[in-house]
């Protein structure tokens, strides 16, 4: 069973993604910000995919995506945020980022497709 780390500070959004991905057969762990995500990666290094937001307290998505825990190795990352149009994607130096998706323009079905593609 593939394991996905969801990094999202909005608990309602986090729960929607978690329930959706669990229903598709994935094991899901969650983190409310980048700092907690780094801790989870250290505890559970067998994470197969990271689905992350940008705007979060404590450690945001940009800092998370530039952290050695996410830049080293080959764990694919999907960024899902409403800030995708204002974030300088060139500032993200992470070869593992496979997709930048805008939440309000992306359905759960589309997220499922992107997750499946990134895990192949």
PDB file of N, CA and C in Angstrom:
ATOM      1  N   UNK A   1       0.847  -1.179   0.000  1.00  0.00           N
ATOM      2  CA  UNK A   1       0.000   0.000   0.000  1.00  0.00           C
ATOM      3  C   UNK A   1       0.891   1.242   0.000  1.00  0.00           C
ATOM      4  N   UNK A   2       0.647   2.147  -0.938  1.00  0.00           N
ATOM      5  CA  UNK A   2       1.416   3.384  -1.040  1.00  0.00           C
ATOM      6  C   UNK A   2       1.032   4.342   0.078  1.00  0.00           C
ATOM      7  N   UNK A   3       2.045   5.054   0.595  1.00  0.00           N
ATOM      8  CA  UNK A   3       1.829   5.986   1.694  1.00  0.00           C
ATOM      9  C   UNK A   3       2.001   7.417   1.203  1.00  0.00           C
ATOM     10  N   UNK A   4       1.001   8.251   1.508  1.00  0.00           N
ATOM     11  CA  UNK A   4       1.000   9.656   1.091  1.00  0.00           C
ATOM     12  C   UNK A   4       1.003  10.545   2.323  1.00  0.00           C
ATOM     13  N   UNK A   5       1.877  11.558   2.298  1.00  0.00           N
ATOM     14  CA  UNK A   5       1.910  12.580   3.341  1.00  0.00           C
ATOM     15  C   UNK A   5       1.183  13.814   2.820  1.00  0.00           C
ATOM     16  N   UNK A   6       0.103  14.194   3.505  1.00  0.00           N
ATOM     17  CA  UNK A   6      -0.629  15.417   3.169  1.00  0.00           C
ATOM     18  C   UNK A   6      -0.163  16.510   4.132  1.00  0.00           C
ATOM     19  N   UNK A   7       0.304  17.630   3.576  1.00  0.00           N
ATOM     20  CA  UNK A   7       0.756  18.763   4.386  1.00  0.00           C
ATOM     21  C   UNK A   7      -0.206  19.915   4.104  1.00  0.00           C
ATOM     22  N   UNK A   8      -1.096  20.174   5.066  1.00  0.00           N
ATOM     23  CA  UNK A   8      -2.179  21.148   4.875  1.00  0.00           C
ATOM     24  C   UNK A   8      -2.595  21.679   6.236  1.00  0.00           C
ATOM     25  N   UNK A   9      -2.613  23.019   6.393  1.00  0.00           N
ATOM     26  CA  UNK A   9      -2.965  23.601   7.682  1.00  0.00           C
ATOM     27  C   UNK A   9      -4.466  23.714   7.917  1.00  0.00           C
ATOM     28  N   UNK A  10      -5.265  23.704   6.876  1.00  0.00           N
ATOM     29  CA  UNK A  10      -6.725  23.767   7.026  1.00  0.00           C
ATOM     30  C   UNK A  10      -7.230  22.351   7.305  1.00  0.00           C
ATOM     31  N   UNK A  11      -7.677  22.096   8.524  1.00  0.00           N
ATOM     32  CA  UNK A  11      -8.068  20.748   8.932  1.00  0.00           C
ATOM     33  C   UNK A  11      -9.213  20.202   8.090  1.00  0.00           C
ATOM     34  N   UNK A  12     -10.138  21.072   7.649  1.00  0.00           N
ATOM     35  CA  UNK A  12     -11.251  20.602   6.819  1.00  0.00           C
ATOM     36  C   UNK A  12     -10.757  20.129   5.458  1.00  0.00           C
ATOM     37  N   UNK A  13      -9.873  20.893   4.838  1.00  0.00           N
ATOM     38  CA  UNK A  13      -9.300  20.497   3.547  1.00  0.00           C
ATOM     39  C   UNK A  13      -8.463  19.230   3.723  1.00  0.00           C
ATOM     40  N   UNK A  14      -7.670  19.208   4.794  1.00  0.00           N
ATOM     41  CA  UNK A  14      -6.841  18.036   5.086  1.00  0.00           C
ATOM     42  C   UNK A  14      -7.712  16.772   5.190  1.00  0.00           C
ATOM     43  N   UNK A  15      -8.836  16.874   5.893  1.00  0.00           N
ATOM     44  CA  UNK A  15      -9.730  15.722   6.057  1.00  0.00           C
ATOM     45  C   UNK A  15     -10.363  15.281   4.746  1.00  0.00           C
ATOM     46  N   UNK A  16     -10.740  16.229   3.908  1.00  0.00           N
ATOM     47  CA  UNK A  16     -11.321  15.879   2.601  1.00  0.00           C
ATOM     48  C   UNK A  16     -10.299  15.100   1.778  1.00  0.00           C
ATOM     49  N   UNK A  17      -9.075  15.601   1.686  1.00  0.00           N
ATOM     50  CA  UNK A  17      -8.027  14.898   0.932  1.00  0.00           C
ATOM     51  C   UNK A  17      -7.738  13.527   1.541  1.00  0.00           C
ATOM     52  N   UNK A  18      -7.650  13.488   2.867  1.00  0.00           N
ATOM     53  CA  UNK A  18      -7.336  12.215   3.543  1.00  0.00           C
ATOM     54  C   UNK A  18      -8.407  11.172   3.258  1.00  0.00           C
ATOM     55  N   UNK A  19      -9.675  11.530   3.455  1.00  0.00           N
ATOM     56  CA  UNK A  19     -10.763  10.572   3.212  1.00  0.00           C
ATOM     57  C   UNK A  19     -10.799  10.126   1.751  1.00  0.00           C
ATOM     58  N   UNK A  20     -10.613  11.061   0.851  1.00  0.00           N
ATOM     59  CA  UNK A  20     -10.625  10.732  -0.586  1.00  0.00           C
ATOM     60  C   UNK A  20      -9.509   9.750  -0.926  1.00  0.00           C
ATOM     61  N   UNK A  21      -8.303  10.021  -0.471  1.00  0.00           N
ATOM     62  CA  UNK A  21      -7.163   9.161  -0.812  1.00  0.00           C
ATOM     63  C   UNK A  21      -7.222   7.818  -0.093  1.00  0.00           C
ATOM     64  N   UNK A  22      -7.727   7.795   1.132  1.00  0.00           N
ATOM     65  CA  UNK A  22      -7.905   6.518   1.825  1.00  0.00           C
ATOM     66  C   UNK A  22      -8.929   5.649   1.101  1.00  0.00           C
ATOM     67  N   UNK A  23      -9.982   6.270   0.587  1.00  0.00           N
ATOM     68  CA  UNK A  23     -10.995   5.524  -0.160  1.00  0.00           C
ATOM     69  C   UNK A  23     -10.423   4.938  -1.450  1.00  0.00           C
ATOM     70  N   UNK A  24      -9.358   5.535  -1.964  1.00  0.00           N
ATOM     71  CA  UNK A  24      -8.696   5.022  -3.161  1.00  0.00           C
ATOM     72  C   UNK A  24      -7.635   3.966  -2.815  1.00  0.00           C
ATOM     73  N   UNK A  25      -7.504   3.647  -1.528  1.00  0.00           N
ATOM     74  CA  UNK A  25      -6.615   2.578  -1.116  1.00  0.00           C
ATOM     75  C   UNK A  25      -5.231   2.997  -0.649  1.00  0.00           C
ATOM     76  N   UNK A  26      -5.014   4.292  -0.460  1.00  0.00           N
ATOM     77  CA  UNK A  26      -3.718   4.769   0.007  1.00  0.00           C
ATOM     78  C   UNK A  26      -3.697   4.857   1.533  1.00  0.00           C
ATOM     79  N   UNK A  27      -2.529   4.662   2.118  1.00  0.00           N
ATOM     80  CA  UNK A  27      -2.318   4.943   3.540  1.00  0.00           C
ATOM     81  C   UNK A  27      -1.932   6.412   3.602  1.00  0.00           C
ATOM     82  N   UNK A  28      -2.594   7.169   4.466  1.00  0.00           N
ATOM     83  CA  UNK A  28      -2.382   8.614   4.523  1.00  0.00           C
ATOM     84  C   UNK A  28      -1.922   9.026   5.915  1.00  0.00           C
ATOM     85  N   UNK A  29      -0.881   9.849   5.937  1.00  0.00           N
ATOM     86  CA  UNK A  29      -0.476  10.521   7.169  1.00  0.00           C
ATOM     87  C   UNK A  29      -0.574  12.019   6.900  1.00  0.00           C
ATOM     88  N   UNK A  30      -0.728  12.793   7.959  1.00  0.00           N
ATOM     89  CA  UNK A  30      -0.956  14.230   7.770  1.00  0.00           C
ATOM     90  C   UNK A  30      -0.004  15.060   8.615  1.00  0.00           C
ATOM     91  N   UNK A  31       0.161  16.302   8.168  1.00  0.00           N
ATOM     92  CA  UNK A  31       0.954  17.294   8.889  1.00  0.00           C
ATOM     93  C   UNK A  31       0.293  18.650   8.672  1.00  0.00           C
ATOM     94  N   UNK A  32       0.301  19.475   9.716  1.00  0.00           N
ATOM     95  CA  UNK A  32      -0.367  20.775   9.630  1.00  0.00           C
ATOM     96  C   UNK A  32       0.537  21.895   9.125  1.00  0.00           C
ATOM     97  N   UNK A  33       1.839  21.608   8.957  1.00  0.00           N
ATOM     98  CA  UNK A  33       2.765  22.602   8.409  1.00  0.00           C
ATOM     99  C   UNK A  33       4.055  21.897   8.010  1.00  0.00           C
ATOM    100  N   UNK A  34       4.966  22.647   7.416  1.00  0.00           N
ATOM    101  CA  UNK A  34       6.204  22.060   6.927  1.00  0.00           C
ATOM    102  C   UNK A  34       7.086  21.478   8.013  1.00  0.00           C
ATOM    103  N   UNK A  35       7.095  22.109   9.181  1.00  0.00           N
ATOM    104  CA  UNK A  35       7.922  21.603  10.269  1.00  0.00           C
ATOM    105  C   UNK A  35       7.457  20.218  10.722  1.00  0.00           C
ATOM    106  N   UNK A  36       6.143  20.049  10.862  1.00  0.00           N
ATOM    107  CA  UNK A  36       5.587  18.748  11.243  1.00  0.00           C
ATOM    108  C   UNK A  36       5.836  17.736  10.118  1.00  0.00           C
ATOM    109  N   UNK A  37       5.766  18.191   8.880  1.00  0.00           N
ATOM    110  CA  UNK A  37       6.032  17.300   7.743  1.00  0.00           C
ATOM    111  C   UNK A  37       7.458  16.761   7.790  1.00  0.00           C
ATOM    112  N   UNK A  38       8.432  17.624   8.094  1.00  0.00           N
ATOM    113  CA  UNK A  38       9.834  17.194   8.191  1.00  0.00           C
ATOM    114  C   UNK A  38       9.971  16.145   9.293  1.00  0.00           C
ATOM    115  N   UNK A  39       9.284  16.357  10.413  1.00  0.00           N
ATOM    116  CA  UNK A  39       9.304  15.365  11.494  1.00  0.00           C
ATOM    117  C   UNK A  39       8.722  14.035  11.017  1.00  0.00           C
ATOM    118  N   UNK A  40       7.602  14.088  10.291  1.00  0.00           N
ATOM    119  CA  UNK A  40       6.961  12.866   9.780  1.00  0.00           C
ATOM    120  C   UNK A  40       7.877  12.129   8.808  1.00  0.00           C
ATOM    121  N   UNK A  41       8.557  12.878   7.957  1.00  0.00           N
ATOM    122  CA  UNK A  41       9.474  12.263   6.993  1.00  0.00           C
ATOM    123  C   UNK A  41      10.608  11.553   7.736  1.00  0.00           C
ATOM    124  N   UNK A  42      11.079  12.144   8.826  1.00  0.00           N
ATOM    125  CA  UNK A  42      12.134  11.523   9.624  1.00  0.00           C
ATOM    126  C   UNK A  42      11.668  10.260  10.327  1.00  0.00           C
ATOM    127  N   UNK A  43      10.424  10.264  10.770  1.00  0.00           N
ATOM    128  CA  UNK A  43       9.861   9.114  11.484  1.00  0.00           C
ATOM    129  C   UNK A  43       9.449   8.010  10.507  1.00  0.00           C
ATOM    130  N   UNK A  44       8.910   8.415   9.354  1.00  0.00           N
ATOM    131  CA  UNK A  44       8.357   7.462   8.389  1.00  0.00           C
ATOM    132  C   UNK A  44       9.007   7.680   7.021  1.00  0.00           C
ATOM    133  N   UNK A  45      10.244   7.267   6.859  1.00  0.00           N
ATOM    134  CA  UNK A  45      10.962   7.542   5.614  1.00  0.00           C
ATOM    135  C   UNK A  45      10.421   6.809   4.380  1.00  0.00           C
ATOM    136  N   UNK A  46       9.489   5.903   4.574  1.00  0.00           N
ATOM    137  CA  UNK A  46       8.953   5.158   3.432  1.00  0.00           C
ATOM    138  C   UNK A  46       7.761   5.856   2.770  1.00  0.00           C
ATOM    139  N   UNK A  47       7.671   7.160   2.902  1.00  0.00           N
ATOM    140  CA  UNK A  47       6.593   7.929   2.262  1.00  0.00           C
ATOM    141  C   UNK A  47       6.792   7.880   0.750  1.00  0.00           C
ATOM    142  N   UNK A  48       5.708   7.583   0.031  1.00  0.00           N
ATOM    143  CA  UNK A  48       5.772   7.425  -1.423  1.00  0.00           C
ATOM    144  C   UNK A  48       5.453   8.707  -2.181  1.00  0.00           C
ATOM    145  N   UNK A  49       4.727   9.643  -1.551  1.00  0.00           N
ATOM    146  CA  UNK A  49       4.339  10.885  -2.224  1.00  0.00           C
ATOM    147  C   UNK A  49       3.998  11.929  -1.179  1.00  0.00           C
ATOM    148  N   UNK A  50       4.322  13.191  -1.480  1.00  0.00           N
ATOM    149  CA  UNK A  50       3.956  14.311  -0.611  1.00  0.00           C
ATOM    150  C   UNK A  50       3.002  15.217  -1.385  1.00  0.00           C
ATOM    151  N   UNK A  51       1.868  15.519  -0.759  1.00  0.00           N
ATOM    152  CA  UNK A  51       0.886  16.456  -1.311  1.00  0.00           C
ATOM    153  C   UNK A  51       0.885  17.646  -0.356  1.00  0.00           C
ATOM    154  N   UNK A  52       1.327  18.814  -0.836  1.00  0.00           N
ATOM    155  CA  UNK A  52       1.498  19.937   0.089  1.00  0.00           C
ATOM    156  C   UNK A  52       0.866  21.242  -0.383  1.00  0.00           C
ATOM    157  N   UNK A  53       0.478  22.019   0.593  1.00  0.00           N
ATOM    158  CA  UNK A  53       0.011  23.386   0.408  1.00  0.00           C
ATOM    159  C   UNK A  53       1.234  24.310   0.442  1.00  0.00           C
ATOM    160  N   UNK A  54       1.081  25.575   0.047  1.00  0.00           N
ATOM    161  CA  UNK A  54       2.151  26.576   0.152  1.00  0.00           C
ATOM    162  C   UNK A  54       2.012  27.404   1.423  1.00  0.00           C
ATOM    163  N   UNK A  55       0.851  28.039   1.593  1.00  0.00           N
ATOM    164  CA  UNK A  55       0.660  28.985   2.699  1.00  0.00           C
ATOM    165  C   UNK A  55       0.287  28.231   3.966  1.00  0.00           C
ATOM    166  N   UNK A  56       1.265  28.153   4.896  1.00  0.00           N
ATOM    167  CA  UNK A  56       1.048  27.456   6.166  1.00  0.00           C
ATOM    168  C   UNK A  56       1.833  28.191   7.243  1.00  0.00           C
ATOM    169  N   UNK A  57       1.391  28.065   8.494  1.00  0.00           N
ATOM    170  CA  UNK A  57       2.145  28.678   9.597  1.00  0.00           C
ATOM    171  C   UNK A  57       3.415  27.874   9.906  1.00  0.00           C
ATOM    172  N   UNK A  58       4.282  28.438  10.678  1.00  0.00           N
ATOM    173  CA  UNK A  58       5.511  27.844  11.194  1.00  0.00           C
ATOM    174  C   UNK A  58       6.535  27.634  10.083  1.00  0.00           C
ATOM    175  N   UNK A  59       6.299  26.701   9.181  1.00  0.00           N
ATOM    176  CA  UNK A  59       7.164  26.492   8.009  1.00  0.00           C
ATOM    177  C   UNK A  59       6.257  26.353   6.804  1.00  0.00           C
ATOM    178  N   UNK A  60       6.373  27.275   5.846  1.00  0.00           N
ATOM    179  CA  UNK A  60       5.492  27.250   4.681  1.00  0.00           C
ATOM    180  C   UNK A  60       5.969  26.242   3.635  1.00  0.00           C
ATOM    181  N   UNK A  61       5.197  26.125   2.570  1.00  0.00           N
ATOM    182  CA  UNK A  61       5.513  25.168   1.518  1.00  0.00           C
ATOM    183  C   UNK A  61       6.812  25.458   0.797  1.00  0.00           C
ATOM    184  N   UNK A  62       7.151  26.721   0.614  1.00  0.00           N
ATOM    185  CA  UNK A  62       8.405  27.063  -0.063  1.00  0.00           C
ATOM    186  C   UNK A  62       9.591  26.557   0.759  1.00  0.00           C
ATOM    187  N   UNK A  63       9.573  26.815   2.069  1.00  0.00           N
ATOM    188  CA  UNK A  63      10.654  26.327   2.935  1.00  0.00           C
ATOM    189  C   UNK A  63      10.690  24.803   2.956  1.00  0.00           C
ATOM    190  N   UNK A  64       9.522  24.183   2.992  1.00  0.00           N
ATOM    191  CA  UNK A  64       9.449  22.716   2.966  1.00  0.00           C
ATOM    192  C   UNK A  64      10.055  22.166   1.678  1.00  0.00           C
ATOM    193  N   UNK A  65       9.699  22.769   0.556  1.00  0.00           N
ATOM    194  CA  UNK A  65      10.169  22.273  -0.737  1.00  0.00           C
ATOM    195  C   UNK A  65      11.655  22.514  -0.968  1.00  0.00           C
ATOM    196  N   UNK A  66      12.236  23.438  -0.243  1.00  0.00           N
ATOM    197  CA  UNK A  66      13.673  23.696  -0.346  1.00  0.00           C
ATOM    198  C   UNK A  66      14.474  23.026   0.778  1.00  0.00           C
ATOM    199  N   UNK A  67      13.804  22.273   1.633  1.00  0.00           N
ATOM    200  CA  UNK A  67      14.461  21.577   2.747  1.00  0.00           C
ATOM    201  C   UNK A  67      15.138  20.299   2.230  1.00  0.00           C
ATOM    202  N   UNK A  68      16.311  19.965   2.748  1.00  0.00           N
ATOM    203  CA  UNK A  68      17.007  18.749   2.283  1.00  0.00           C
ATOM    204  C   UNK A  68      16.181  17.472   2.401  1.00  0.00           C
ATOM    205  N   UNK A  69      15.284  17.392   3.369  1.00  0.00           N
ATOM    206  CA  UNK A  69      14.457  16.179   3.509  1.00  0.00           C
ATOM    207  C   UNK A  69      13.570  15.939   2.292  1.00  0.00           C
ATOM    208  N   UNK A  70      13.220  17.017   1.560  1.00  0.00           N
ATOM    209  CA  UNK A  70      12.372  16.834   0.378  1.00  0.00           C
ATOM    210  C   UNK A  70      13.138  16.953  -0.933  1.00  0.00           C
ATOM    211  N   UNK A  71      14.335  17.542  -0.891  1.00  0.00           N
ATOM    212  CA  UNK A  71      15.094  17.690  -2.139  1.00  0.00           C
ATOM    213  C   UNK A  71      15.987  16.495  -2.408  1.00  0.00           C
ATOM    214  N   UNK A  72      16.399  15.804  -1.339  1.00  0.00           N
ATOM    215  CA  UNK A  72      17.224  14.608  -1.507  1.00  0.00           C
ATOM    216  C   UNK A  72      16.287  13.422  -1.704  1.00  0.00           C
ATOM    217  N   UNK A  73      16.759  12.401  -2.366  1.00  0.00           N
ATOM    218  CA  UNK A  73      15.908  11.254  -2.643  1.00  0.00           C
ATOM    219  C   UNK A  73      15.036  11.519  -3.852  1.00  0.00           C
ATOM    220  N   UNK A  74      14.005  10.717  -4.005  1.00  0.00           N
ATOM    221  CA  UNK A  74      13.171  10.836  -5.208  1.00  0.00           C
ATOM    222  C   UNK A  74      11.674  10.753  -4.910  1.00  0.00           C
ATOM    223  N   UNK A  75      11.256  11.134  -3.697  1.00  0.00           N
ATOM    224  CA  UNK A  75       9.840  11.122  -3.362  1.00  0.00           C
ATOM    225  C   UNK A  75       9.124  12.206  -4.162  1.00  0.00           C
ATOM    226  N   UNK A  76       8.149  11.815  -5.008  1.00  0.00           N
ATOM    227  CA  UNK A  76       7.438  12.827  -5.794  1.00  0.00           C
ATOM    228  C   UNK A  76       6.588  13.735  -4.910  1.00  0.00           C
ATOM    229  N   UNK A  77       6.442  14.985  -5.375  1.00  0.00           N
ATOM    230  CA  UNK A  77       5.694  15.999  -4.629  1.00  0.00           C
ATOM    231  C   UNK A  77       4.687  16.651  -5.565  1.00  0.00           C
ATOM    232  N   UNK A  78       3.470  16.832  -5.048  1.00  0.00           N
ATOM    233  CA  UNK A  78       2.442  17.598  -5.748  1.00  0.00           C
ATOM    234  C   UNK A  78       2.100  18.790  -4.869  1.00  0.00           C
ATOM    235  N   UNK A  79       2.185  19.982  -5.428  1.00  0.00           N
ATOM    236  CA  UNK A  79       1.834  21.204  -4.722  1.00  0.00           C
ATOM    237  C   UNK A  79       0.398  21.552  -5.087  1.00  0.00           C
ATOM    238  N   UNK A  80      -0.418  21.742  -4.077  1.00  0.00           N
ATOM    239  CA  UNK A  80      -1.831  22.050  -4.281  1.00  0.00           C
ATOM    240  C   UNK A  80      -2.158  23.255  -3.418  1.00  0.00           C
ATOM    241  N   UNK A  81      -2.313  24.420  -4.051  1.00  0.00           N
ATOM    242  CA  UNK A  81      -2.480  25.657  -3.293  1.00  0.00           C
ATOM    243  C   UNK A  81      -3.326  26.652  -4.062  1.00  0.00           C
ATOM    244  N   UNK A  82      -3.920  27.577  -3.349  1.00  0.00           N
ATOM    245  CA  UNK A  82      -4.610  28.689  -4.007  1.00  0.00           C
ATOM    246  C   UNK A  82      -3.661  29.831  -4.289  1.00  0.00           C
ATOM    247  N   UNK A  83      -2.388  29.665  -3.929  1.00  0.00           N
ATOM    248  CA  UNK A  83      -1.391  30.704  -4.137  1.00  0.00           C
ATOM    249  C   UNK A  83      -0.482  30.402  -5.325  1.00  0.00           C
ATOM    250  N   UNK A  84      -0.787  29.415  -6.120  1.00  0.00           N
ATOM    251  CA  UNK A  84       0.113  28.984  -7.189  1.00  0.00           C
ATOM    252  C   UNK A  84       0.459  30.110  -8.164  1.00  0.00           C
ATOM    253  N   UNK A  85      -0.446  31.069  -8.330  1.00  0.00           N
ATOM    254  CA  UNK A  85      -0.176  32.138  -9.279  1.00  0.00           C
ATOM    255  C   UNK A  85       0.769  33.204  -8.718  1.00  0.00           C
ATOM    256  N   UNK A  86       0.954  33.263  -7.396  1.00  0.00           N
ATOM    257  CA  UNK A  86       1.818  34.290  -6.820  1.00  0.00           C
ATOM    258  C   UNK A  86       3.145  33.732  -6.289  1.00  0.00           C
ATOM    259  N   UNK A  87       3.278  32.426  -6.282  1.00  0.00           N
ATOM    260  CA  UNK A  87       4.525  31.821  -5.805  1.00  0.00           C
ATOM    261  C   UNK A  87       5.500  31.710  -6.973  1.00  0.00           C
ATOM    262  N   UNK A  88       6.710  32.153  -6.742  1.00  0.00           N
ATOM    263  CA  UNK A  88       7.749  32.066  -7.760  1.00  0.00           C
ATOM    264  C   UNK A  88       8.223  30.621  -7.843  1.00  0.00           C
ATOM    265  N   UNK A  89       7.695  29.889  -8.822  1.00  0.00           N
ATOM    266  CA  UNK A  89       8.033  28.476  -8.947  1.00  0.00           C
ATOM    267  C   UNK A  89       9.509  28.273  -9.245  1.00  0.00           C
ATOM    268  N   UNK A  90      10.168  29.274  -9.812  1.00  0.00           N
ATOM    269  CA  UNK A  90      11.599  29.177 -10.076  1.00  0.00           C
ATOM    270  C   UNK A  90      12.402  29.194  -8.776  1.00  0.00           C
ATOM    271  N   UNK A  91      11.820  29.753  -7.705  1.00  0.00           N
ATOM    272  CA  UNK A  91      12.511  29.792  -6.413  1.00  0.00           C
ATOM    273  C   UNK A  91      12.529  28.425  -5.737  1.00  0.00           C
ATOM    274  N   UNK A  92      11.710  27.524  -6.234  1.00  0.00           N
ATOM    275  CA  UNK A  92      11.663  26.176  -5.686  1.00  0.00           C
ATOM    276  C   UNK A  92      12.691  25.335  -6.416  1.00  0.00           C
ATOM    277  N   UNK A  93      13.738  24.962  -5.714  1.00  0.00           N
ATOM    278  CA  UNK A  93      14.804  24.165  -6.312  1.00  0.00           C
ATOM    279  C   UNK A  93      14.621  22.718  -5.877  1.00  0.00           C
ATOM    280  N   UNK A  94      13.579  22.073  -6.416  1.00  0.00           N
ATOM    281  CA  UNK A  94      13.260  20.714  -6.004  1.00  0.00           C
ATOM    282  C   UNK A  94      12.844  19.905  -7.219  1.00  0.00           C
ATOM    283  N   UNK A  95      13.707  18.998  -7.627  1.00  0.00           N
ATOM    284  CA  UNK A  95      13.465  18.171  -8.809  1.00  0.00           C
ATOM    285  C   UNK A  95      12.291  17.219  -8.617  1.00  0.00           C
ATOM    286  N   UNK A  96      11.852  17.026  -7.385  1.00  0.00           N
ATOM    287  CA  UNK A  96      10.792  16.062  -7.103  1.00  0.00           C
ATOM    288  C   UNK A  96       9.384  16.620  -7.279  1.00  0.00           C
ATOM    289  N   UNK A  97       9.251  17.939  -7.468  1.00  0.00           N
ATOM    290  CA  UNK A  97       7.925  18.533  -7.664  1.00  0.00           C
ATOM    291  C   UNK A  97       7.430  18.148  -9.054  1.00  0.00           C
ATOM    292  N   UNK A  98       6.317  17.410  -9.081  1.00  0.00           N
ATOM    293  CA  UNK A  98       5.762  16.912 -10.340  1.00  0.00           C
ATOM    294  C   UNK A  98       4.631  17.790 -10.868  1.00  0.00           C
ATOM    295  N   UNK A  99       3.905  18.431  -9.966  1.00  0.00           N
ATOM    296  CA  UNK A  99       2.742  19.224 -10.361  1.00  0.00           C
ATOM    297  C   UNK A  99       2.567  20.414  -9.434  1.00  0.00           C
ATOM    298  N   UNK A 100       2.099  21.533 -10.003  1.00  0.00           N
ATOM    299  CA  UNK A 100       1.607  22.681  -9.253  1.00  0.00           C
ATOM    300  C   UNK A 100       0.140  22.820  -9.623  1.00  0.00           C
ATOM    301  N   UNK A 101      -0.759  22.602  -8.671  1.00  0.00           N
ATOM    302  CA  UNK A 101      -2.190  22.666  -8.943  1.00  0.00           C
ATOM    303  C   UNK A 101      -2.835  23.765  -8.104  1.00  0.00           C
ATOM    304  N   UNK A 102      -3.829  24.433  -8.674  1.00  0.00           N
ATOM    305  CA  UNK A 102      -4.576  25.463  -7.950  1.00  0.00           C
ATOM    306  C   UNK A 102      -5.827  24.799  -7.378  1.00  0.00           C
ATOM    307  N   UNK A 103      -5.965  24.848  -6.055  1.00  0.00           N
ATOM    308  CA  UNK A 103      -7.057  24.148  -5.372  1.00  0.00           C
ATOM    309  C   UNK A 103      -8.426  24.443  -5.982  1.00  0.00           C
ATOM    310  N   UNK A 104      -8.728  25.713  -6.145  1.00  0.00           N
ATOM    311  CA  UNK A 104     -10.082  26.068  -6.593  1.00  0.00           C
ATOM    312  C   UNK A 104     -10.369  25.653  -8.030  1.00  0.00           C
ATOM    313  N   UNK A 105      -9.326  25.290  -8.776  1.00  0.00           N
ATOM    314  CA  UNK A 105      -9.505  24.857 -10.159  1.00  0.00           C
ATOM    315  C   UNK A 105      -9.272  23.361 -10.332  1.00  0.00           C
ATOM    316  N   UNK A 106      -9.138  22.620  -9.242  1.00  0.00           N
ATOM    317  CA  UNK A 106      -8.790  21.215  -9.320  1.00  0.00           C
ATOM    318  C   UNK A 106      -9.798  20.379  -8.541  1.00  0.00           C
ATOM    319  N   UNK A 107     -10.393  19.390  -9.211  1.00  0.00           N
ATOM    320  CA  UNK A 107     -11.356  18.503  -8.560  1.00  0.00           C
ATOM    321  C   UNK A 107     -10.633  17.367  -7.844  1.00  0.00           C
ATOM    322  N   UNK A 108     -11.351  16.696  -6.958  1.00  0.00           N
ATOM    323  CA  UNK A 108     -10.772  15.528  -6.297  1.00  0.00           C
ATOM    324  C   UNK A 108     -10.404  14.458  -7.327  1.00  0.00           C
ATOM    325  N   UNK A 109     -11.228  14.295  -8.322  1.00  0.00           N
ATOM    326  CA  UNK A 109     -10.934  13.325  -9.385  1.00  0.00           C
ATOM    327  C   UNK A 109      -9.594  13.661 -10.056  1.00  0.00           C
ATOM    328  N   UNK A 110      -9.377  14.927 -10.355  1.00  0.00           N
ATOM    329  CA  UNK A 110      -8.115  15.340 -10.973  1.00  0.00           C
ATOM    330  C   UNK A 110      -6.930  15.112 -10.026  1.00  0.00           C
ATOM    331  N   UNK A 111      -7.129  15.379  -8.734  1.00  0.00           N
ATOM    332  CA  UNK A 111      -6.072  15.113  -7.759  1.00  0.00           C
ATOM    333  C   UNK A 111      -5.743  13.632  -7.766  1.00  0.00           C
ATOM    334  N   UNK A 112      -6.759  12.790  -7.792  1.00  0.00           N
ATOM    335  CA  UNK A 112      -6.546  11.345  -7.844  1.00  0.00           C
ATOM    336  C   UNK A 112      -5.735  10.924  -9.062  1.00  0.00           C
ATOM    337  N   UNK A 113      -6.053  11.515 -10.207  1.00  0.00           N
ATOM    338  CA  UNK A 113      -5.314  11.202 -11.438  1.00  0.00           C
ATOM    339  C   UNK A 113      -3.839  11.625 -11.317  1.00  0.00           C
ATOM    340  N   UNK A 114      -3.619  12.820 -10.775  1.00  0.00           N
ATOM    341  CA  UNK A 114      -2.244  13.333 -10.641  1.00  0.00           C
ATOM    342  C   UNK A 114      -1.438  12.477  -9.651  1.00  0.00           C
ATOM    343  N   UNK A 115      -2.090  12.052  -8.571  1.00  0.00           N
ATOM    344  CA  UNK A 115      -1.438  11.194  -7.584  1.00  0.00           C
ATOM    345  C   UNK A 115      -1.036   9.873  -8.244  1.00  0.00           C
ATOM    346  N   UNK A 116      -1.985   9.256  -8.958  1.00  0.00           N
ATOM    347  CA  UNK A 116      -1.680   7.991  -9.642  1.00  0.00           C
ATOM    348  C   UNK A 116      -0.523   8.147 -10.610  1.00  0.00           C
ATOM    349  N   UNK A 117      -0.528   9.215 -11.397  1.00  0.00           N
ATOM    350  CA  UNK A 117       0.545   9.441 -12.377  1.00  0.00           C
ATOM    351  C   UNK A 117       1.891   9.650 -11.687  1.00  0.00           C
ATOM    352  N   UNK A 118       1.903  10.402 -10.585  1.00  0.00           N
ATOM    353  CA  UNK A 118       3.155  10.675  -9.891  1.00  0.00           C
ATOM    354  C   UNK A 118       3.737   9.430  -9.236  1.00  0.00           C
ATOM    355  N   UNK A 119       2.872   8.482  -8.882  1.00  0.00           N
ATOM    356  CA  UNK A 119       3.330   7.260  -8.218  1.00  0.00           C
ATOM    357  C   UNK A 119       3.778   6.155  -9.186  1.00  0.00           C
ATOM    358  N   UNK A 120       3.626   6.392 -10.466  1.00  0.00           N
ATOM    359  CA  UNK A 120       4.046   5.373 -11.459  1.00  0.00           C
ATOM    360  C   UNK A 120       5.532   5.391 -11.662  1.00  0.00           C
TER     361      UNK A 120
END
